[in-house]
PDB file of N, CA and C in Angstrom:
ATOM      1  N   MET A   1      17.084  -6.888   6.303  1.00  0.00           N
ATOM      2  CA  MET A   1      15.751  -6.489   5.888  1.00  0.00           C
ATOM      3  C   MET A   1      15.529  -6.873   4.385  1.00  0.00           C
ATOM      4  N   GLN A   2      14.596  -7.564   4.026  1.00  0.00           N
ATOM      5  CA  GLN A   2      14.280  -8.060   2.836  1.00  0.00           C
ATOM      6  C   GLN A   2      13.605  -6.799   2.052  1.00  0.00           C
ATOM      7  N   ARG A   3      14.069  -7.040   0.529  1.00  0.00           N
ATOM      8  CA  ARG A   3      13.604  -6.001  -0.199  1.00  0.00           C
ATOM      9  C   ARG A   3      13.181  -6.730  -1.491  1.00  0.00           C
ATOM     10  N   TRP A   4      11.988  -6.173  -2.158  1.00  0.00           N
ATOM     11  CA  TRP A   4      11.740  -6.678  -3.442  1.00  0.00           C
ATOM     12  C   TRP A   4      10.899  -5.896  -4.178  1.00  0.00           C
ATOM     13  N   ASN A   5      10.837  -6.049  -5.305  1.00  0.00           N
ATOM     14  CA  ASN A   5      10.104  -5.022  -6.448  1.00  0.00           C
ATOM     15  C   ASN A   5       9.173  -5.738  -6.889  1.00  0.00           C
ATOM     16  N   MET A   6       7.961  -5.053  -7.398  1.00  0.00           N
ATOM     17  CA  MET A   6       6.821  -5.644  -8.216  1.00  0.00           C
ATOM     18  C   MET A   6       6.686  -4.583  -9.157  1.00  0.00           C
ATOM     19  N   GLU A   7       6.194  -5.003 -10.254  1.00  0.00           N
ATOM     20  CA  GLU A   7       5.672  -4.041 -11.232  1.00  0.00           C
ATOM     21  C   GLU A   7       4.265  -4.401 -11.694  1.00  0.00           C
ATOM     22  N   ILE A   8       3.225  -3.569 -11.721  1.00  0.00           N
ATOM     23  CA  ILE A   8       1.952  -3.846 -12.050  1.00  0.00           C
ATOM     24  C   ILE A   8       1.419  -2.847 -12.979  1.00  0.00           C
ATOM     25  N   LYS A   9       1.148  -3.159 -14.389  1.00  0.00           N
ATOM     26  CA  LYS A   9       0.521  -2.426 -15.239  1.00  0.00           C
ATOM     27  C   LYS A   9      -1.102  -2.320 -15.097  1.00  0.00           C
ATOM     28  N   LEU A  10      -1.388  -0.931 -15.008  1.00  0.00           N
ATOM     29  CA  LEU A  10      -2.576  -0.696 -15.079  1.00  0.00           C
ATOM     30  C   LEU A  10      -3.381   0.012 -16.280  1.00  0.00           C
ATOM     31  N   ASP A  11      -4.469  -0.702 -16.445  1.00  0.00           N
ATOM     32  CA  ASP A  11      -5.205  -0.274 -17.820  1.00  0.00           C
ATOM     33  C   ASP A  11      -5.913   0.776 -17.620  1.00  0.00           C
ATOM     34  N   ARG A  12      -6.293   1.283 -16.536  1.00  0.00           N
ATOM     35  CA  ARG A  12      -7.130   2.271 -16.029  1.00  0.00           C
ATOM     36  C   ARG A  12      -6.821   2.924 -14.695  1.00  0.00           C
ATOM     37  N   PRO A  13      -6.949   4.179 -14.353  1.00  0.00           N
ATOM     38  CA  PRO A  13      -6.812   4.582 -12.984  1.00  0.00           C
ATOM     39  C   PRO A  13      -7.524   3.785 -11.888  1.00  0.00           C
ATOM     40  N   ILE A  14      -7.133   3.535 -10.743  1.00  0.00           N
ATOM     41  CA  ILE A  14      -7.716   2.682  -9.676  1.00  0.00           C
ATOM     42  C   ILE A  14      -7.183   3.207  -8.404  1.00  0.00           C
ATOM     43  N   THR A  15      -7.888   3.146  -7.532  1.00  0.00           N
ATOM     44  CA  THR A  15      -7.700   3.563  -5.984  1.00  0.00           C
ATOM     45  C   THR A  15      -6.668   2.823  -5.293  1.00  0.00           C
ATOM     46  N   LEU A  16      -5.935   3.574  -4.352  1.00  0.00           N
ATOM     47  CA  LEU A  16      -4.982   2.633  -3.622  1.00  0.00           C
ATOM     48  C   LEU A  16      -5.739   1.583  -2.984  1.00  0.00           C
ATOM     49  N   ARG A  17      -6.958   1.774  -2.410  1.00  0.00           N
ATOM     50  CA  ARG A  17      -7.735   0.619  -1.887  1.00  0.00           C
ATOM     51  C   ARG A  17      -7.944  -0.570  -2.830  1.00  0.00           C
ATOM     52  N   GLU A  18      -8.185  -0.094  -3.992  1.00  0.00           N
ATOM     53  CA  GLU A  18      -8.531  -1.229  -5.032  1.00  0.00           C
ATOM     54  C   GLU A  18      -7.256  -2.164  -5.289  1.00  0.00           C
ATOM     55  N   LEU A  19      -6.047  -1.261  -5.299  1.00  0.00           N
ATOM     56  CA  LEU A  19      -4.916  -2.065  -5.490  1.00  0.00           C
ATOM     57  C   LEU A  19      -4.380  -2.989  -4.469  1.00  0.00           C
ATOM     58  N   LEU A  20      -4.540  -2.424  -3.301  1.00  0.00           N
ATOM     59  CA  LEU A  20      -4.324  -3.219  -1.909  1.00  0.00           C
ATOM     60  C   LEU A  20      -5.137  -4.408  -1.991  1.00  0.00           C
ATOM     61  N   LEU A  21      -6.449  -4.324  -2.141  1.00  0.00           N
ATOM     62  CA  LEU A  21      -7.427  -5.498  -2.115  1.00  0.00           C
ATOM     63  C   LEU A  21      -6.975  -6.494  -3.041  1.00  0.00           C
ATOM     64  N   ASN A  22      -6.699  -6.011  -4.085  1.00  0.00           N
ATOM     65  CA  ASN A  22      -6.095  -7.020  -5.449  1.00  0.00           C
ATOM     66  C   ASN A  22      -4.821  -7.673  -4.994  1.00  0.00           C
ATOM     67  N   LEU A  23      -3.966  -7.105  -4.436  1.00  0.00           N
ATOM     68  CA  LEU A  23      -2.884  -7.734  -3.719  1.00  0.00           C
ATOM     69  C   LEU A  23      -2.839  -8.645  -2.850  1.00  0.00           C
ATOM     70  N   ILE A  24      -3.927  -8.319  -1.742  1.00  0.00           N
ATOM     71  CA  ILE A  24      -4.680  -9.241  -0.798  1.00  0.00           C
ATOM     72  C   ILE A  24      -4.816 -10.402  -1.423  1.00  0.00           C
ATOM     73  N   GLU A  25      -5.906 -10.421  -2.276  1.00  0.00           N
ATOM     74  CA  GLU A  25      -6.691 -11.488  -3.204  1.00  0.00           C
ATOM     75  C   GLU A  25      -5.633 -12.392  -3.617  1.00  0.00           C
ATOM     76  N   ARG A  26      -4.477 -11.736  -4.274  1.00  0.00           N
ATOM     77  CA  ARG A  26      -3.455 -12.740  -4.814  1.00  0.00           C
ATOM     78  C   ARG A  26      -2.580 -13.149  -3.759  1.00  0.00           C
ATOM     79  N   ASN A  27      -2.190 -12.550  -2.810  1.00  0.00           N
ATOM     80  CA  ASN A  27      -1.230 -12.945  -1.747  1.00  0.00           C
ATOM     81  C   ASN A  27      -1.568 -13.641  -0.579  1.00  0.00           C
ATOM     82  N   GLY A  28      -2.845 -13.504  -0.295  1.00  0.00           N
ATOM     83  CA  GLY A  28      -3.496 -14.022   1.020  1.00  0.00           C
ATOM     84  C   GLY A  28      -3.466 -13.156   2.403  1.00  0.00           C
ATOM     85  N   GLU A  29      -4.110 -13.798   3.139  1.00  0.00           N
ATOM     86  CA  GLU A  29      -4.528 -13.271   4.327  1.00  0.00           C
ATOM     87  C   GLU A  29      -3.136 -12.760   5.104  1.00  0.00           C
ATOM     88  N   PRO A  30      -2.051 -13.136   5.322  1.00  0.00           N
ATOM     89  CA  PRO A  30      -1.026 -12.530   5.956  1.00  0.00           C
ATOM     90  C   PRO A  30      -0.663 -11.148   5.261  1.00  0.00           C
ATOM     91  N   LEU A  31      -0.783 -11.140   4.045  1.00  0.00           N
ATOM     92  CA  LEU A  31      -0.615  -9.703   3.686  1.00  0.00           C
ATOM     93  C   LEU A  31      -1.572  -8.573   4.092  1.00  0.00           C
ATOM     94  N   ARG A  32      -2.860  -9.035   4.325  1.00  0.00           N
ATOM     95  CA  ARG A  32      -3.830  -8.059   4.952  1.00  0.00           C
ATOM     96  C   ARG A  32      -3.397  -7.752   6.229  1.00  0.00           C
ATOM     97  N   GLU A  33      -2.953  -8.852   7.253  1.00  0.00           N
ATOM     98  CA  GLU A  33      -2.548  -8.649   8.516  1.00  0.00           C
ATOM     99  C   GLU A  33      -1.407  -7.608   8.547  1.00  0.00           C
ATOM    100  N   VAL A  34      -0.384  -7.490   7.868  1.00  0.00           N
ATOM    101  CA  VAL A  34       0.788  -6.565   7.719  1.00  0.00           C
ATOM    102  C   VAL A  34       0.409  -5.185   7.368  1.00  0.00           C
ATOM    103  N   LEU A  35      -0.661  -4.944   6.622  1.00  0.00           N
ATOM    104  CA  LEU A  35      -1.168  -3.725   6.028  1.00  0.00           C
ATOM    105  C   LEU A  35      -2.176  -3.247   6.859  1.00  0.00           C
ATOM    106  N   PHE A  36      -3.342  -3.777   7.227  1.00  0.00           N
ATOM    107  CA  PHE A  36      -4.371  -3.341   7.877  1.00  0.00           C
ATOM    108  C   PHE A  36      -4.428  -3.584   9.262  1.00  0.00           C
ATOM    109  N   LYS A  37      -5.499  -2.766   9.973  1.00  0.00           N
ATOM    110  CA  LYS A  37      -5.756  -3.120  11.419  1.00  0.00           C
ATOM    111  C   LYS A  37      -6.837  -4.306  11.336  1.00  0.00           C
ATOM    112  N   GLU A  38      -7.801  -4.211  12.172  1.00  0.00           N
ATOM    113  CA  GLU A  38      -8.897  -4.968  12.379  1.00  0.00           C
ATOM    114  C   GLU A  38      -9.670  -5.098  11.067  1.00  0.00           C
ATOM    115  N   ASN A  39      -9.879  -3.907  10.361  1.00  0.00           N
ATOM    116  CA  ASN A  39     -10.743  -3.558   8.913  1.00  0.00           C
ATOM    117  C   ASN A  39      -9.797  -3.147   7.976  1.00  0.00           C
ATOM    118  N   ILE A  40     -10.296  -3.092   6.893  1.00  0.00           N
ATOM    119  CA  ILE A  40      -9.672  -2.595   5.925  1.00  0.00           C
ATOM    120  C   ILE A  40      -9.747  -0.994   5.536  1.00  0.00           C
ATOM    121  N   GLU A  41     -10.400  -0.574   6.539  1.00  0.00           N
ATOM    122  CA  GLU A  41     -10.350   1.090   6.497  1.00  0.00           C
ATOM    123  C   GLU A  41      -9.351   1.705   6.988  1.00  0.00           C
ATOM    124  N   GLU A  42      -8.417   1.030   7.861  1.00  0.00           N
ATOM    125  CA  GLU A  42      -7.392   1.682   8.666  1.00  0.00           C
ATOM    126  C   GLU A  42      -6.195   0.961   8.571  1.00  0.00           C
ATOM    127  N   MET A  43      -4.974   1.577   8.049  1.00  0.00           N
ATOM    128  CA  MET A  43      -3.934   0.934   7.775  1.00  0.00           C
ATOM    129  C   MET A  43      -3.201   0.832   9.302  1.00  0.00           C
ATOM    130  N   VAL A  44      -2.044  -0.077   9.456  1.00  0.00           N
ATOM    131  CA  VAL A  44      -1.436  -0.180  10.528  1.00  0.00           C
ATOM    132  C   VAL A  44      -0.473   0.980  10.703  1.00  0.00           C
ATOM    133  N   GLU A  45      -0.211   1.434  11.812  1.00  0.00           N
ATOM    134  CA  GLU A  45       0.594   2.784  12.268  1.00  0.00           C
ATOM    135  C   GLU A  45       1.713   2.661  11.833  1.00  0.00           C
ATOM    136  N   ASP A  46       2.434   1.372  11.850  1.00  0.00           N
ATOM    137  CA  ASP A  46       3.947   1.266  11.725  1.00  0.00           C
ATOM    138  C   ASP A  46       4.347   1.511  10.235  1.00  0.00           C
ATOM    139  N   LEU A  47       3.389   1.289   9.169  1.00  0.00           N
ATOM    140  CA  LEU A  47       3.537   1.503   7.866  1.00  0.00           C
ATOM    141  C   LEU A  47       3.414   2.767   7.253  1.00  0.00           C
ATOM    142  N   VAL A  48       4.476   3.085   6.648  1.00  0.00           N
ATOM    143  CA  VAL A  48       4.913   4.364   5.970  1.00  0.00           C
ATOM    144  C   VAL A  48       4.573   4.147   4.360  1.00  0.00           C
ATOM    145  N   LEU A  49       3.467   4.530   3.686  1.00  0.00           N
ATOM    146  CA  LEU A  49       3.271   4.284   2.314  1.00  0.00           C
ATOM    147  C   LEU A  49       3.179   5.497   1.547  1.00  0.00           C
ATOM    148  N   THR A  50       4.397   5.596   0.509  1.00  0.00           N
ATOM    149  CA  THR A  50       4.187   6.749  -0.272  1.00  0.00           C
ATOM    150  C   THR A  50       3.878   6.695  -1.723  1.00  0.00           C
ATOM    151  N   ILE A  51       3.401   7.571  -2.460  1.00  0.00           N
ATOM    152  CA  ILE A  51       2.868   7.446  -3.768  1.00  0.00           C
ATOM    153  C   ILE A  51       3.706   8.653  -4.366  1.00  0.00           C
ATOM    154  N   ASN A  52       4.634   8.055  -5.213  1.00  0.00           N
ATOM    155  CA  ASN A  52       5.509   8.953  -6.049  1.00  0.00           C
ATOM    156  C   ASN A  52       6.372   9.924  -4.970  1.00  0.00           C
ATOM    157  N   GLY A  53       6.470   9.374  -3.877  1.00  0.00           N
ATOM    158  CA  GLY A  53       7.530  10.082  -2.916  1.00  0.00           C
ATOM    159  C   GLY A  53       6.663  10.725  -1.776  1.00  0.00           C
ATOM    160  N   ILE A  54       5.512  10.867  -2.125  1.00  0.00           N
ATOM    161  CA  ILE A  54       4.386  11.677  -1.024  1.00  0.00           C
ATOM    162  C   ILE A  54       3.620  10.624  -0.283  1.00  0.00           C
ATOM    163  N   HIS A  55       3.336  10.741   0.925  1.00  0.00           N
ATOM    164  CA  HIS A  55       2.631  10.070   1.791  1.00  0.00           C
ATOM    165  C   HIS A  55       1.207  10.027   1.413  1.00  0.00           C
ATOM    166  N   PHE A  56       0.795   8.757   1.209  1.00  0.00           N
ATOM    167  CA  PHE A  56      -0.655   8.419   0.704  1.00  0.00           C
ATOM    168  C   PHE A  56      -1.588   9.407   1.557  1.00  0.00           C
ATOM    169  N   ARG A  57      -1.602   9.625   2.774  1.00  0.00           N
ATOM    170  CA  ARG A  57      -2.456  10.392   3.399  1.00  0.00           C
ATOM    171  C   ARG A  57      -2.727  11.658   2.968  1.00  0.00           C
ATOM    172  N   PHE A  58      -1.839  12.386   2.178  1.00  0.00           N
ATOM    173  CA  PHE A  58      -1.632  13.532   1.752  1.00  0.00           C
ATOM    174  C   PHE A  58      -2.299  13.618   0.358  1.00  0.00           C
ATOM    175  N   GLN A  59      -2.667  12.401  -0.209  1.00  0.00           N
ATOM    176  CA  GLN A  59      -3.102  12.366  -1.824  1.00  0.00           C
ATOM    177  C   GLN A  59      -4.405  11.621  -1.523  1.00  0.00           C
ATOM    178  N   GLY A  60      -5.124  11.686  -0.543  1.00  0.00           N
ATOM    179  CA  GLY A  60      -6.684  11.196  -0.512  1.00  0.00           C
ATOM    180  C   GLY A  60      -6.679   9.711   0.158  1.00  0.00           C
ATOM    181  N   GLY A  61      -5.661   9.445   0.824  1.00  0.00           N
ATOM    182  CA  GLY A  61      -5.718   8.362   1.729  1.00  0.00           C
ATOM    183  C   GLY A  61      -5.981   6.776   0.728  1.00  0.00           C
ATOM    184  N   LEU A  62      -6.746   5.826   1.169  1.00  0.00           N
ATOM    185  CA  LEU A  62      -7.048   4.875   0.578  1.00  0.00           C
ATOM    186  C   LEU A  62      -7.781   5.316  -0.762  1.00  0.00           C
ATOM    187  N   ASP A  63      -8.358   6.235  -0.771  1.00  0.00           N
ATOM    188  CA  ASP A  63      -8.963   6.781  -2.227  1.00  0.00           C
ATOM    189  C   ASP A  63      -8.079   7.368  -3.043  1.00  0.00           C
ATOM    190  N   ALA A  64      -6.727   7.627  -2.862  1.00  0.00           N
ATOM    191  CA  ALA A  64      -5.954   8.219  -3.664  1.00  0.00           C
ATOM    192  C   ALA A  64      -5.921   7.287  -5.129  1.00  0.00           C
ATOM    193  N   GLU A  65      -6.009   8.165  -6.281  1.00  0.00           N
ATOM    194  CA  GLU A  65      -6.110   7.631  -7.489  1.00  0.00           C
ATOM    195  C   GLU A  65      -4.646   7.362  -7.871  1.00  0.00           C
ATOM    196  N   LEU A  66      -4.517   6.011  -8.398  1.00  0.00           N
ATOM    197  CA  LEU A  66      -3.103   5.488  -8.967  1.00  0.00           C
ATOM    198  C   LEU A  66      -3.456   5.381 -10.591  1.00  0.00           C
ATOM    199  N   LYS A  67      -2.439   5.659 -11.278  1.00  0.00           N
ATOM    200  CA  LYS A  67      -2.254   5.388 -12.659  1.00  0.00           C
ATOM    201  C   LYS A  67      -1.110   4.770 -13.086  1.00  0.00           C
ATOM    202  N   ASP A  68      -1.073   4.247 -14.181  1.00  0.00           N
ATOM    203  CA  ASP A  68       0.037   3.376 -14.731  1.00  0.00           C
ATOM    204  C   ASP A  68       1.290   4.248 -14.662  1.00  0.00           C
ATOM    205  N   GLY A  69       2.482   3.885 -14.233  1.00  0.00           N
ATOM    206  CA  GLY A  69       3.722   4.572 -13.968  1.00  0.00           C
ATOM    207  C   GLY A  69       3.902   5.091 -12.717  1.00  0.00           C
ATOM    208  N   ASP A  70       2.957   5.101 -11.670  1.00  0.00           N
ATOM    209  CA  ASP A  70       3.118   5.754 -10.265  1.00  0.00           C
ATOM    210  C   ASP A  70       3.909   4.811  -9.463  1.00  0.00           C
ATOM    211  N   ARG A  71       4.671   5.381  -8.512  1.00  0.00           N
ATOM    212  CA  ARG A  71       5.609   4.416  -7.720  1.00  0.00           C
ATOM    213  C   ARG A  71       5.316   4.465  -6.265  1.00  0.00           C
ATOM    214  N   LEU A  72       4.896   3.444  -5.850  1.00  0.00           N
ATOM    215  CA  LEU A  72       4.661   3.116  -4.403  1.00  0.00           C
ATOM    216  C   LEU A  72       5.700   2.461  -3.518  1.00  0.00           C
ATOM    217  N   ASN A  73       6.033   3.018  -2.340  1.00  0.00           N
ATOM    218  CA  ASN A  73       7.012   2.514  -1.485  1.00  0.00           C
ATOM    219  C   ASN A  73       6.305   2.242  -0.134  1.00  0.00           C
ATOM    220  N   PHE A  74       6.600   0.954   0.414  1.00  0.00           N
ATOM    221  CA  PHE A  74       6.151   0.551   1.465  1.00  0.00           C
ATOM    222  C   PHE A  74       7.174   0.323   2.421  1.00  0.00           C
ATOM    223  N   MET A  75       7.337   1.117   3.611  1.00  0.00           N
ATOM    224  CA  MET A  75       8.203   1.135   4.460  1.00  0.00           C
ATOM    225  C   MET A  75       7.562   1.113   5.840  1.00  0.00           C
ATOM    226  N   TRP A  76       8.113  -0.007   6.688  1.00  0.00           N
ATOM    227  CA  TRP A  76       7.753   0.020   8.332  1.00  0.00           C
ATOM    228  C   TRP A  76       8.902   0.374   9.049  1.00  0.00           C
ATOM    229  N   ASN A  77       8.044   1.159  10.179  1.00  0.00           N
ATOM    230  CA  ASN A  77       9.153   1.485  11.097  1.00  0.00           C
ATOM    231  C   ASN A  77       9.258   0.431  12.131  1.00  0.00           C
ATOM    232  N   TYR A  78      10.659   0.502  12.343  1.00  0.00           N
ATOM    233  CA  TYR A  78      11.104  -0.597  13.402  1.00  0.00           C
ATOM    234  C   TYR A  78      11.607   0.052  14.704  1.00  0.00           C
ATOM    235  N   TYR A  79      11.229  -0.395  15.740  1.00  0.00           N
ATOM    236  CA  TYR A  79      11.642   0.378  17.084  1.00  0.00           C
ATOM    237  C   TYR A  79      12.195  -0.799  17.928  1.00  0.00           C
ATOM    238  N   GLY A  80      13.028  -0.432  18.696  1.00  0.00           N
ATOM    239  CA  GLY A  80      13.893  -1.217  19.692  1.00  0.00           C
ATOM    240  C   GLY A  80      15.138  -0.557  20.115  1.00  0.00           C
ATOM    241  N   GLY A  81      15.809  -1.324  20.897  1.00  0.00           N
ATOM    242  CA  GLY A  81      16.869  -0.744  21.597  1.00  0.00           C
ATOM    243  C   GLY A  81      18.028  -1.481  21.618  1.00  0.00           C
TER     244      GLY A  81
END
């Protein structure tokens, strides 16, 4: 499993949606495909995304406000046998 870290400085609070769209713009369509379903309003089900250790859905979903210093974790569930 590959692991990487990225630090992004925020000049102002932004929503999780804004951050993800910015990352997709910078990194291309393949990133959108692993984060979202057909549209950008629904995240893929296998993704567990936390903001400061709390699932993003409990913090406003894609409208959750992010500020400088917040920590996001992207974790995908793997299934198999």
